């Protein structure tokens, strides 16, 4: 059976017997369970963080809608365990703004960009 746009959006539609029925939107799952929407967040690793990640400078994360910067950070540490040695001194930025580690969690949105910035030294 092929559904038209009106049926997918839950509008009334005449059935073959002539009676009206209502299609209910179930979140896209055949079982009727609502599935979480996936979003994509890009993370950039700089300097020593990139080295510890084996030269990887960019990571694409596909996470559930509702994740925070802290959850994304933990996911990156899980993917690249060598970064754990720098975890306490890495600075995190979201869309070019520094994230305060003591502030309440910040939700990430589709298309956001995180940056993991290690301590900088020079002379």
Protein backbone atom coordinates (compact mmCIF):
# COMPACT_ATOMS: atom_id res chain seq x y z
CA UNK A 1 0.00 0.00 0.00
CA UNK A 2 1.38 3.37 -0.98
CA UNK A 3 0.84 6.35 1.34
CA UNK A 4 0.41 9.85 0.03
CA UNK A 5 1.67 12.99 1.77
CA UNK A 6 -1.66 13.64 3.52
CA UNK A 7 -1.65 10.18 5.09
CA UNK A 8 1.92 10.55 6.31
CA UNK A 9 1.09 13.87 7.96
CA UNK A 10 -1.99 12.45 9.69
CA UNK A 11 -4.69 14.17 7.62
CA UNK A 12 -8.09 12.54 7.15
CA UNK A 13 -8.41 10.35 4.09
CA UNK A 14 -11.37 8.49 2.60
CA UNK A 15 -10.87 4.72 2.68
CA UNK A 16 -12.12 2.35 -0.02
CA UNK A 17 -15.40 1.76 1.87
CA UNK A 18 -16.11 5.51 1.84
CA UNK A 19 -15.50 6.10 5.57
CA UNK A 20 -13.03 8.62 6.90
CA UNK A 21 -10.09 7.43 8.95
CA UNK A 22 -7.16 9.13 10.61
CA UNK A 23 -3.58 8.00 10.06
CA UNK A 24 -1.48 8.57 13.16
CA UNK A 25 2.09 9.66 12.88
CA UNK A 26 4.22 7.22 14.89
CA UNK A 27 7.67 8.77 14.59
CA UNK A 28 8.66 6.73 11.57
CA UNK A 29 8.98 3.39 13.34
CA UNK A 30 6.95 0.43 12.02
CA UNK A 31 6.54 -0.80 15.60
CA UNK A 32 5.01 2.53 16.64
CA UNK A 33 7.91 3.43 18.97
CA UNK A 34 9.23 6.94 18.64
CA UNK A 35 12.86 6.89 17.52
CA UNK A 36 15.33 9.59 18.46
CA UNK A 37 16.47 11.84 15.67
CA UNK A 38 20.15 11.65 14.82
CA UNK A 39 22.16 14.81 14.34
CA UNK A 40 25.66 15.38 13.01
CA UNK A 41 28.28 17.34 14.92
CA UNK A 42 31.78 18.00 13.60
CA UNK A 43 34.73 18.01 16.00
CA UNK A 44 38.14 19.43 15.19
CA UNK A 45 41.29 18.37 17.00
CA UNK A 46 44.26 20.68 17.13
CA UNK A 47 48.01 20.40 17.81
CA UNK A 48 48.91 17.73 20.40
CA UNK A 49 45.30 16.50 20.56
CA UNK A 50 45.50 15.71 16.83
CA UNK A 51 48.82 13.91 17.36
CA UNK A 52 47.37 11.78 20.18
CA UNK A 53 44.42 10.88 17.92
CA UNK A 54 46.81 9.42 15.36
CA UNK A 55 46.85 12.46 13.12
CA UNK A 56 43.06 12.74 12.89
CA UNK A 57 42.15 16.41 12.63
CA UNK A 58 38.38 16.10 12.20
CA UNK A 59 35.78 13.70 13.57
CA UNK A 60 32.17 13.48 12.46
CA UNK A 61 29.82 12.48 15.28
CA UNK A 62 26.32 11.16 14.64
CA UNK A 63 24.55 11.44 17.99
CA UNK A 64 21.02 11.51 19.35
CA UNK A 65 19.25 14.83 19.39
CA UNK A 66 19.49 16.10 22.97
CA UNK A 67 23.18 15.30 23.49
CA UNK A 68 25.38 17.84 25.22
CA UNK A 69 28.89 19.09 24.57
CA UNK A 70 30.06 16.96 27.52
CA UNK A 71 28.57 13.80 26.01
CA UNK A 72 30.22 14.54 22.66
CA UNK A 73 33.54 15.12 24.44
CA UNK A 74 33.21 11.76 26.23
CA UNK A 75 32.40 10.05 22.93
CA UNK A 76 35.59 11.46 21.38
CA UNK A 77 37.63 10.29 24.38
CA UNK A 78 36.15 6.81 23.94
CA UNK A 79 37.12 6.78 20.25
CA UNK A 80 40.63 8.06 20.96
CA UNK A 81 41.70 6.80 24.42
CA UNK A 82 45.13 8.46 24.14
CA UNK A 83 43.35 11.83 24.46
CA UNK A 84 42.39 10.95 28.04
CA UNK A 85 45.89 12.00 29.11
CA UNK A 86 45.00 15.57 28.04
CA UNK A 87 41.31 15.52 29.01
CA UNK A 88 41.64 17.65 32.14
CA UNK A 89 43.51 20.44 30.35
CA UNK A 90 41.74 20.46 26.98
CA UNK A 91 39.63 23.52 26.24
CA UNK A 92 36.37 22.86 24.44
CA UNK A 93 34.76 25.35 22.08
CA UNK A 94 31.32 25.16 20.48
CA UNK A 95 30.85 27.17 17.29
CA UNK A 96 33.83 29.44 18.08
CA UNK A 97 32.79 30.11 21.69
CA UNK A 98 34.61 28.59 24.64
CA UNK A 99 32.62 26.18 26.80
CA UNK A 100 32.91 26.67 30.57
CA UNK A 101 33.43 23.22 32.11
CA UNK A 102 31.60 24.37 35.27
CA UNK A 103 28.55 25.73 33.42
CA UNK A 104 25.32 23.75 32.97
CA UNK A 105 25.34 21.30 30.02
CA UNK A 106 24.99 22.83 26.57
CA UNK A 107 22.90 20.99 23.99
CA UNK A 108 24.45 20.49 20.58
CA UNK A 109 22.43 20.94 17.40
CA UNK A 110 22.72 19.51 13.94
CA UNK A 111 25.65 21.09 12.13
CA UNK A 112 27.41 22.37 15.25
CA UNK A 113 31.19 22.40 15.37
CA UNK A 114 33.25 21.48 18.42
CA UNK A 115 36.94 22.20 18.82
CA UNK A 116 39.30 20.43 21.23
CA UNK A 117 42.11 22.82 21.98
CA UNK A 118 45.13 21.62 23.98
CA UNK A 119 47.26 23.92 26.14
CA UNK A 120 49.35 26.21 23.99
CA UNK A 121 52.95 27.06 24.68
CA UNK A 122 55.49 28.80 22.62
CA UNK A 123 58.14 31.35 22.61
